[in-house]
Amino acid sequence: MLKAFIVDDEPLARDELKYLLKRTKRVEIVGEADCIEDALEIDDTSIDVLFVDIMLANETGLDLVEKLKKKGKHPAIVFATAYDEYALKAFQLNAIDYILKPFEEQRVLQTVEKITSFLPLKNGEKDTVAGEKKTPSDKLAITVDERIIIIHIQDILYIGTMEGKTIIVTEKQKYQTSDSLVTFEKKLQGTSIVRVHRGYLVNLDAIVEIQPWFNSTYNLVMNDGESVPVSRTYTKELKQLIGF
């Protein structure tokens, strides 16, 4: 169970986020604050993740995180805000995620899954997922029919799910594996491959066209001519990353 602390000066926003986090049944809310001063008094060892709003009274959530970093070890950080223009700065501060108000339940669940995947276990416990040998930055090992195949990350166009299997599409061929999409999202953190849909990860460098679709969604045309959908949940983040 993840232990979370929320910093937001809007009581309704705190209540909404608490409700959605509790709905995941994976998070325990251990405290909350409406200002930086109170947040700086937290016991860093008692919480796993800090959900921080950007705009706080007198200072910003970015200021809070910078102060926590100066103190040394600090919890994982997720920015939860109505302002998308601070995403780049947030990730420069090594935030695990950046979610936008009004919060969507599926997006909050995805954030919790990401935290669970990336957060090391405490007290030296071995993490059966995060404890896997870290993949070299330019290569990815995948298991296909009891074989381990090494592919170059830059060759990946997109990764999707189909009938319970994960399909990795590269410039030359397709690979089918039983590893989950969340597993690959974790392994590929910090690369050009990002999630754009509940069922897809795409290589930003392999996108050749962005086509508007219905209800504020998009289709991405990839190097191989195939289209990958972008759900509304990830549209704002994609716009921030690509700048369209």
C-alpha atoms as a PDB file:
ATOM      1  CA  MET A   1       0.000   0.000   0.000  1.00  0.00           C
ATOM      2  CA  LEU A   2       1.491   3.335  -1.071  1.00  0.00           C
ATOM      3  CA  LYS A   3       1.543   6.046   1.590  1.00  0.00           C
ATOM      4  CA  ALA A   4       0.658   9.423   0.049  1.00  0.00           C
ATOM      5  CA  PHE A   5       0.708  13.037   1.238  1.00  0.00           C
ATOM      6  CA  ILE A   6      -1.210  15.772  -0.628  1.00  0.00           C
ATOM      7  CA  VAL A   7      -0.204  19.433  -0.826  1.00  0.00           C
ATOM      8  CA  ASP A   8      -2.903  21.698  -2.293  1.00  0.00           C
ATOM      9  CA  ASP A   9      -4.414  24.957  -1.015  1.00  0.00           C
ATOM     10  CA  GLU A  10      -7.848  24.096  -2.450  1.00  0.00           C
ATOM     11  CA  PRO A  11      -9.825  21.855  -0.035  1.00  0.00           C
ATOM     12  CA  LEU A  12     -12.152  20.593  -2.773  1.00  0.00           C
ATOM     13  CA  ALA A  13      -9.217  19.602  -4.977  1.00  0.00           C
ATOM     14  CA  ARG A  14      -7.607  17.744  -2.071  1.00  0.00           C
ATOM     15  CA  ASP A  15     -10.854  15.916  -1.338  1.00  0.00           C
ATOM     16  CA  GLU A  16     -11.290  14.936  -4.998  1.00  0.00           C
ATOM     17  CA  LEU A  17      -7.758  13.579  -5.267  1.00  0.00           C
ATOM     18  CA  LYS A  18      -8.051  11.713  -1.957  1.00  0.00           C
ATOM     19  CA  TYR A  19     -11.269  10.108  -3.151  1.00  0.00           C
ATOM     20  CA  LEU A  20      -9.772   8.951  -6.451  1.00  0.00           C
ATOM     21  CA  LEU A  21      -6.584   7.668  -4.822  1.00  0.00           C
ATOM     22  CA  LYS A  22      -8.545   5.685  -2.259  1.00  0.00           C
ATOM     23  CA  ARG A  23     -10.671   4.233  -5.060  1.00  0.00           C
ATOM     24  CA  THR A  24      -7.560   2.527  -6.461  1.00  0.00           C
ATOM     25  CA  LYS A  25      -7.323   0.500  -3.210  1.00  0.00           C
ATOM     26  CA  ARG A  26      -3.549   0.842  -3.488  1.00  0.00           C
ATOM     27  CA  VAL A  27      -3.016   4.147  -1.679  1.00  0.00           C
ATOM     28  CA  GLU A  28      -3.269   5.242   1.951  1.00  0.00           C
ATOM     29  CA  ILE A  29      -3.524   8.999   2.551  1.00  0.00           C
ATOM     30  CA  VAL A  30      -1.277   9.719   5.524  1.00  0.00           C
ATOM     31  CA  GLY A  31      -1.562  13.504   5.559  1.00  0.00           C
ATOM     32  CA  GLU A  32      -2.265  16.739   3.738  1.00  0.00           C
ATOM     33  CA  ALA A  33      -1.215  20.374   3.800  1.00  0.00           C
ATOM     34  CA  ASP A  34      -2.360  23.620   2.201  1.00  0.00           C
ATOM     35  CA  CYS A  35       0.983  25.460   2.266  1.00  0.00           C
ATOM     36  CA  ILE A  36       4.691  24.884   1.819  1.00  0.00           C
ATOM     37  CA  GLU A  37       5.518  25.569   5.468  1.00  0.00           C
ATOM     38  CA  ASP A  38       3.368  22.678   6.686  1.00  0.00           C
ATOM     39  CA  ALA A  39       4.547  20.391   3.898  1.00  0.00           C
ATOM     40  CA  LEU A  40       8.176  20.926   4.866  1.00  0.00           C
ATOM     41  CA  GLU A  41       7.400  19.530   8.308  1.00  0.00           C
ATOM     42  CA  ILE A  42       6.490  16.091   6.981  1.00  0.00           C
ATOM     43  CA  ASP A  43       8.424  13.025   8.020  1.00  0.00           C
ATOM     44  CA  ASP A  44      10.026  12.013   4.727  1.00  0.00           C
ATOM     45  CA  THR A  45      10.465   8.440   5.884  1.00  0.00           C
ATOM     46  CA  SER A  46       6.745   7.924   6.566  1.00  0.00           C
ATOM     47  CA  ILE A  47       5.467   8.565   3.033  1.00  0.00           C
ATOM     48  CA  ASP A  48       6.163   7.142  -0.401  1.00  0.00           C
ATOM     49  CA  VAL A  49       4.774   9.819  -2.691  1.00  0.00           C
ATOM     50  CA  LEU A  50       3.944  13.513  -2.482  1.00  0.00           C
ATOM     51  CA  PHE A  51       1.139  14.886  -4.666  1.00  0.00           C
ATOM     52  CA  VAL A  52       1.834  18.597  -5.126  1.00  0.00           C
ATOM     53  CA  ASP A  53      -0.179  21.396  -6.705  1.00  0.00           C
ATOM     54  CA  ILE A  54       1.776  23.982  -8.694  1.00  0.00           C
ATOM     55  CA  MET A  55       0.051  27.151  -7.485  1.00  0.00           C
ATOM     56  CA  LEU A  56       0.173  27.488  -3.697  1.00  0.00           C
ATOM     57  CA  ALA A  57      -0.168  30.523  -1.459  1.00  0.00           C
ATOM     58  CA  ASN A  58       2.918  32.786  -1.766  1.00  0.00           C
ATOM     59  CA  GLU A  59       5.085  30.084  -3.397  1.00  0.00           C
ATOM     60  CA  THR A  60       4.735  27.262  -5.901  1.00  0.00           C
ATOM     61  CA  GLY A  61       4.858  23.513  -5.660  1.00  0.00           C
ATOM     62  CA  LEU A  62       8.054  23.711  -7.702  1.00  0.00           C
ATOM     63  CA  ASP A  63       9.610  25.755  -4.879  1.00  0.00           C
ATOM     64  CA  LEU A  64       8.540  23.097  -2.396  1.00  0.00           C
ATOM     65  CA  VAL A  65      10.174  20.306  -4.365  1.00  0.00           C
ATOM     66  CA  GLU A  66      13.398  22.283  -4.776  1.00  0.00           C
ATOM     67  CA  LYS A  67      13.508  22.820  -1.006  1.00  0.00           C
ATOM     68  CA  LEU A  68      12.884  19.139  -0.357  1.00  0.00           C
ATOM     69  CA  LYS A  69      15.688  18.211  -2.740  1.00  0.00           C
ATOM     70  CA  LYS A  70      18.072  20.458  -0.796  1.00  0.00           C
ATOM     71  CA  LYS A  71      17.154  18.568   2.379  1.00  0.00           C
ATOM     72  CA  GLY A  72      18.393  15.377   0.763  1.00  0.00           C
ATOM     73  CA  LYS A  73      16.308  12.242   0.435  1.00  0.00           C
ATOM     74  CA  HIS A  74      12.653  12.989  -0.284  1.00  0.00           C
ATOM     75  CA  PRO A  75       9.504  11.117  -1.368  1.00  0.00           C
ATOM     76  CA  ALA A  76       8.600  10.471  -4.982  1.00  0.00           C
ATOM     77  CA  ILE A  77       6.904  13.517  -6.496  1.00  0.00           C
ATOM     78  CA  VAL A  78       3.732  13.771  -8.597  1.00  0.00           C
ATOM     79  CA  PHE A  79       2.522  17.213  -9.643  1.00  0.00           C
ATOM     80  CA  ALA A  80      -1.273  17.480  -9.651  1.00  0.00           C
ATOM     81  CA  THR A  81      -2.295  20.816 -11.110  1.00  0.00           C
ATOM     82  CA  ALA A  82      -4.481  22.760 -13.519  1.00  0.00           C
ATOM     83  CA  TYR A  83      -1.465  24.225 -15.332  1.00  0.00           C
ATOM     84  CA  ASP A  84       0.126  22.225 -18.130  1.00  0.00           C
ATOM     85  CA  GLU A  85       2.846  24.762 -18.967  1.00  0.00           C
ATOM     86  CA  TYR A  86       5.033  23.688 -16.039  1.00  0.00           C
ATOM     87  CA  ALA A  87       5.400  20.062 -17.136  1.00  0.00           C
ATOM     88  CA  LEU A  88       8.929  20.447 -18.512  1.00  0.00           C
ATOM     89  CA  LYS A  89      10.184  22.078 -15.314  1.00  0.00           C
ATOM     90  CA  ALA A  90       8.427  19.401 -13.258  1.00  0.00           C
ATOM     91  CA  PHE A  91      10.163  16.553 -15.077  1.00  0.00           C
ATOM     92  CA  GLN A  92      13.483  18.409 -14.767  1.00  0.00           C
ATOM     93  CA  LEU A  93      12.913  18.058 -11.029  1.00  0.00           C
ATOM     94  CA  ASN A  94      12.573  14.295 -11.587  1.00  0.00           C
ATOM     95  CA  ALA A  95       8.835  14.137 -10.961  1.00  0.00           C
ATOM     96  CA  ILE A  96       7.411  10.668 -11.567  1.00  0.00           C
ATOM     97  CA  ASP A  97       4.262  12.060 -13.169  1.00  0.00           C
ATOM     98  CA  TYR A  98       2.274  15.219 -13.938  1.00  0.00           C
ATOM     99  CA  ILE A  99      -1.507  15.007 -13.851  1.00  0.00           C
ATOM    100  CA  LEU A 100      -3.970  17.729 -14.739  1.00  0.00           C
ATOM    101  CA  LYS A 101      -7.149  19.010 -13.110  1.00  0.00           C
ATOM    102  CA  PRO A 102      -9.962  18.185 -13.350  1.00  0.00           C
ATOM    103  CA  PHE A 103      -8.691  14.755 -12.399  1.00  0.00           C
ATOM    104  CA  GLU A 104      -9.831  11.724 -14.378  1.00  0.00           C
ATOM    105  CA  GLU A 105     -10.100   8.437 -12.503  1.00  0.00           C
ATOM    106  CA  GLN A 106      -8.357   6.388 -15.201  1.00  0.00           C
ATOM    107  CA  ARG A 107      -5.480   8.869 -15.309  1.00  0.00           C
ATOM    108  CA  VAL A 108      -5.051   8.757 -11.535  1.00  0.00           C
ATOM    109  CA  LEU A 109      -5.017   4.944 -11.651  1.00  0.00           C
ATOM    110  CA  GLN A 110      -2.359   5.032 -14.354  1.00  0.00           C
ATOM    111  CA  THR A 111      -0.258   7.319 -12.149  1.00  0.00           C
ATOM    112  CA  VAL A 112      -0.574   4.930  -9.202  1.00  0.00           C
ATOM    113  CA  GLU A 113       0.513   2.039 -11.433  1.00  0.00           C
ATOM    114  CA  LYS A 114       3.518   4.039 -12.567  1.00  0.00           C
ATOM    115  CA  ILE A 115       4.501   4.889  -9.000  1.00  0.00           C
ATOM    116  CA  THR A 116       4.161   1.251  -7.982  1.00  0.00           C
ATOM    117  CA  SER A 117       6.390   0.198 -10.875  1.00  0.00           C
ATOM    118  CA  PHE A 118       9.140   2.742 -10.259  1.00  0.00           C
ATOM    119  CA  LEU A 119       9.225   3.174  -6.509  1.00  0.00           C
ATOM    120  CA  PRO A 120      11.888   1.029  -4.810  1.00  0.00           C
ATOM    121  CA  LEU A 121      10.672  -1.038  -1.904  1.00  0.00           C
ATOM    122  CA  LYS A 122      11.793   0.042   1.544  1.00  0.00           C
ATOM    123  CA  ASN A 123      13.971  -1.745   4.082  1.00  0.00           C
ATOM    124  CA  GLY A 124      16.064  -3.456   1.428  1.00  0.00           C
ATOM    125  CA  GLU A 125      13.271  -5.688   0.183  1.00  0.00           C
ATOM    126  CA  LYS A 126      13.827  -7.158  -3.245  1.00  0.00           C
ATOM    127  CA  ASP A 127      11.363  -5.811  -5.792  1.00  0.00           C
ATOM    128  CA  THR A 128      10.454  -8.612  -8.201  1.00  0.00           C
ATOM    129  CA  VAL A 129       9.589  -6.087 -10.911  1.00  0.00           C
ATOM    130  CA  ALA A 130      11.837  -3.112 -10.258  1.00  0.00           C
ATOM    131  CA  GLY A 131      14.633  -5.452  -9.205  1.00  0.00           C
ATOM    132  CA  GLU A 132      15.172  -6.689 -12.724  1.00  0.00           C
ATOM    133  CA  LYS A 133      18.500  -5.802 -14.263  1.00  0.00           C
ATOM    134  CA  LYS A 134      18.269  -2.329 -15.706  1.00  0.00           C
ATOM    135  CA  THR A 135      18.088  -2.295 -19.482  1.00  0.00           C
ATOM    136  CA  PRO A 136      20.955  -0.488 -21.249  1.00  0.00           C
ATOM    137  CA  SER A 137      19.831   2.903 -22.474  1.00  0.00           C
ATOM    138  CA  ASP A 138      19.926   1.989 -26.168  1.00  0.00           C
ATOM    139  CA  LYS A 139      18.735  -1.647 -26.082  1.00  0.00           C
ATOM    140  CA  LEU A 140      15.729  -3.596 -24.852  1.00  0.00           C
ATOM    141  CA  ALA A 141      15.608  -7.302 -24.008  1.00  0.00           C
ATOM    142  CA  ILE A 142      12.319  -9.045 -24.792  1.00  0.00           C
ATOM    143  CA  THR A 143      11.205 -12.647 -24.323  1.00  0.00           C
ATOM    144  CA  VAL A 144       9.710 -14.263 -27.423  1.00  0.00           C
ATOM    145  CA  ASP A 145       8.869 -17.971 -27.455  1.00  0.00           C
ATOM    146  CA  GLU A 146      11.330 -18.726 -24.650  1.00  0.00           C
ATOM    147  CA  ARG A 147      14.057 -16.816 -26.491  1.00  0.00           C
ATOM    148  CA  ILE A 148      15.553 -13.523 -25.337  1.00  0.00           C
ATOM    149  CA  ILE A 149      15.870 -11.071 -28.210  1.00  0.00           C
ATOM    150  CA  ILE A 150      17.783  -7.802 -28.012  1.00  0.00           C
ATOM    151  CA  ILE A 151      16.425  -4.900 -30.040  1.00  0.00           C
ATOM    152  CA  HIS A 152      17.520  -1.299 -30.383  1.00  0.00           C
ATOM    153  CA  ILE A 153      15.099   1.081 -28.711  1.00  0.00           C
ATOM    154  CA  GLN A 154      15.341   3.588 -31.552  1.00  0.00           C
ATOM    155  CA  ASP A 155      14.042   0.891 -33.921  1.00  0.00           C
ATOM    156  CA  ILE A 156      10.766   0.554 -31.995  1.00  0.00           C
ATOM    157  CA  LEU A 157       7.833   2.316 -33.639  1.00  0.00           C
ATOM    158  CA  TYR A 158       5.162   1.487 -31.086  1.00  0.00           C
ATOM    159  CA  ILE A 159       4.084  -1.139 -28.563  1.00  0.00           C
ATOM    160  CA  GLY A 160       0.465  -2.248 -28.240  1.00  0.00           C
ATOM    161  CA  THR A 161      -1.726  -4.916 -26.698  1.00  0.00           C
ATOM    162  CA  MET A 162      -3.903  -7.414 -28.549  1.00  0.00           C
ATOM    163  CA  GLU A 163      -5.866 -10.334 -27.070  1.00  0.00           C
ATOM    164  CA  GLY A 164      -3.805 -10.355 -23.892  1.00  0.00           C
ATOM    165  CA  LYS A 165      -0.472 -10.237 -25.709  1.00  0.00           C
ATOM    166  CA  THR A 166       1.928  -7.338 -26.117  1.00  0.00           C
ATOM    167  CA  ILE A 167       3.062  -6.560 -29.662  1.00  0.00           C
ATOM    168  CA  ILE A 168       6.307  -4.686 -30.241  1.00  0.00           C
ATOM    169  CA  VAL A 169       6.495  -3.176 -33.723  1.00  0.00           C
ATOM    170  CA  THR A 170       9.923  -2.231 -35.044  1.00  0.00           C
ATOM    171  CA  GLU A 171      11.070  -0.899 -38.395  1.00  0.00           C
ATOM    172  CA  LYS A 172      11.757  -4.434 -39.642  1.00  0.00           C
ATOM    173  CA  GLN A 173       9.315  -6.772 -37.881  1.00  0.00           C
ATOM    174  CA  LYS A 174       6.822  -7.427 -35.094  1.00  0.00           C
ATOM    175  CA  TYR A 175       7.438  -9.331 -31.864  1.00  0.00           C
ATOM    176  CA  GLN A 176       4.809 -10.866 -29.588  1.00  0.00           C
ATOM    177  CA  THR A 177       5.543 -11.240 -25.895  1.00  0.00           C
ATOM    178  CA  SER A 178       3.631 -11.969 -22.703  1.00  0.00           C
ATOM    179  CA  ASP A 179       5.245  -9.102 -20.770  1.00  0.00           C
ATOM    180  CA  SER A 180       2.753  -6.356 -19.890  1.00  0.00           C
ATOM    181  CA  LEU A 181       2.610  -2.855 -21.318  1.00  0.00           C
ATOM    182  CA  VAL A 182       3.285  -1.451 -17.835  1.00  0.00           C
ATOM    183  CA  THR A 183       6.490  -3.494 -17.688  1.00  0.00           C
ATOM    184  CA  PHE A 184       7.744  -1.941 -20.923  1.00  0.00           C
ATOM    185  CA  GLU A 185       6.646   1.524 -19.830  1.00  0.00           C
ATOM    186  CA  LYS A 186       8.846   1.090 -16.760  1.00  0.00           C
ATOM    187  CA  LYS A 187      11.826  -0.241 -18.707  1.00  0.00           C
ATOM    188  CA  LEU A 188      11.597   2.558 -21.260  1.00  0.00           C
ATOM    189  CA  GLN A 189      11.323   5.454 -18.833  1.00  0.00           C
ATOM    190  CA  GLY A 190      13.542   8.320 -19.915  1.00  0.00           C
ATOM    191  CA  THR A 191      13.498   7.309 -23.590  1.00  0.00           C
ATOM    192  CA  SER A 192      11.494   8.735 -26.494  1.00  0.00           C
ATOM    193  CA  ILE A 193       8.843   6.037 -25.995  1.00  0.00           C
ATOM    194  CA  VAL A 194       5.800   7.225 -24.022  1.00  0.00           C
ATOM    195  CA  ARG A 195       2.253   6.117 -23.304  1.00  0.00           C
ATOM    196  CA  VAL A 196      -0.481   7.730 -25.434  1.00  0.00           C
ATOM    197  CA  HIS A 197      -3.342   5.337 -24.783  1.00  0.00           C
ATOM    198  CA  ARG A 198      -4.313   2.645 -22.307  1.00  0.00           C
ATOM    199  CA  GLY A 199      -3.215   0.112 -24.904  1.00  0.00           C
ATOM    200  CA  TYR A 200      -0.286   1.842 -26.630  1.00  0.00           C
ATOM    201  CA  LEU A 201       3.210   3.216 -26.162  1.00  0.00           C
ATOM    202  CA  VAL A 202       4.727   5.112 -29.093  1.00  0.00           C
ATOM    203  CA  ASN A 203       8.165   6.297 -30.112  1.00  0.00           C
ATOM    204  CA  LEU A 204       7.882  10.077 -30.450  1.00  0.00           C
ATOM    205  CA  ASP A 205      10.685  10.004 -33.026  1.00  0.00           C
ATOM    206  CA  ALA A 206       8.692   7.606 -35.234  1.00  0.00           C
ATOM    207  CA  ILE A 207       5.605   9.836 -35.609  1.00  0.00           C
ATOM    208  CA  VAL A 208       5.230  11.307 -39.097  1.00  0.00           C
ATOM    209  CA  GLU A 209       1.763  12.858 -38.816  1.00  0.00           C
ATOM    210  CA  ILE A 210      -0.797  13.829 -36.171  1.00  0.00           C
ATOM    211  CA  GLN A 211      -4.394  13.620 -37.329  1.00  0.00           C
ATOM    212  CA  PRO A 212      -7.224  15.219 -35.311  1.00  0.00           C
ATOM    213  CA  TRP A 213      -9.959  12.733 -34.454  1.00  0.00           C
ATOM    214  CA  PHE A 214     -13.314  13.068 -32.740  1.00  0.00           C
ATOM    215  CA  ASN A 215     -13.918  14.391 -29.215  1.00  0.00           C
ATOM    216  CA  SER A 216     -10.503  16.087 -28.862  1.00  0.00           C
ATOM    217  CA  THR A 217      -8.530  12.917 -29.579  1.00  0.00           C
ATOM    218  CA  TYR A 218      -5.905  12.199 -32.227  1.00  0.00           C
ATOM    219  CA  ASN A 219      -4.470   9.460 -34.406  1.00  0.00           C
ATOM    220  CA  LEU A 220      -0.712   9.194 -34.830  1.00  0.00           C
ATOM    221  CA  VAL A 221       0.569   8.052 -38.201  1.00  0.00           C
ATOM    222  CA  MET A 222       3.795   6.130 -37.689  1.00  0.00           C
ATOM    223  CA  ASN A 223       6.763   5.450 -39.964  1.00  0.00           C
ATOM    224  CA  ASP A 224       5.212   2.197 -41.165  1.00  0.00           C
ATOM    225  CA  GLY A 225       1.974   3.922 -42.173  1.00  0.00           C
ATOM    226  CA  GLU A 226      -0.058   2.451 -39.296  1.00  0.00           C
ATOM    227  CA  SER A 227      -2.224   4.646 -37.062  1.00  0.00           C
ATOM    228  CA  VAL A 228      -2.065   4.653 -33.276  1.00  0.00           C
ATOM    229  CA  PRO A 229      -4.873   6.288 -31.255  1.00  0.00           C
ATOM    230  CA  VAL A 230      -4.281   8.931 -28.600  1.00  0.00           C
ATOM    231  CA  SER A 231      -6.871   8.997 -25.819  1.00  0.00           C
ATOM    232  CA  ARG A 232      -8.089  12.211 -24.215  1.00  0.00           C
ATOM    233  CA  THR A 233      -6.299  11.215 -21.007  1.00  0.00           C
ATOM    234  CA  TYR A 234      -2.898  11.587 -22.673  1.00  0.00           C
ATOM    235  CA  THR A 235      -3.620  14.372 -25.191  1.00  0.00           C
ATOM    236  CA  LYS A 236      -2.412  17.254 -23.025  1.00  0.00           C
ATOM    237  CA  GLU A 237       0.816  15.496 -22.138  1.00  0.00           C
ATOM    238  CA  LEU A 238       1.500  14.625 -25.776  1.00  0.00           C
ATOM    239  CA  LYS A 239       0.946  18.258 -26.785  1.00  0.00           C
ATOM    240  CA  GLN A 240       3.404  19.328 -24.118  1.00  0.00           C
ATOM    241  CA  LEU A 241       6.048  16.829 -25.245  1.00  0.00           C
ATOM    242  CA  ILE A 242       5.765  17.533 -28.971  1.00  0.00           C
ATOM    243  CA  GLY A 243       4.635  21.164 -28.867  1.00  0.00           C
ATOM    244  CA  PHE A 244       1.588  21.219 -31.136  1.00  0.00           C
END
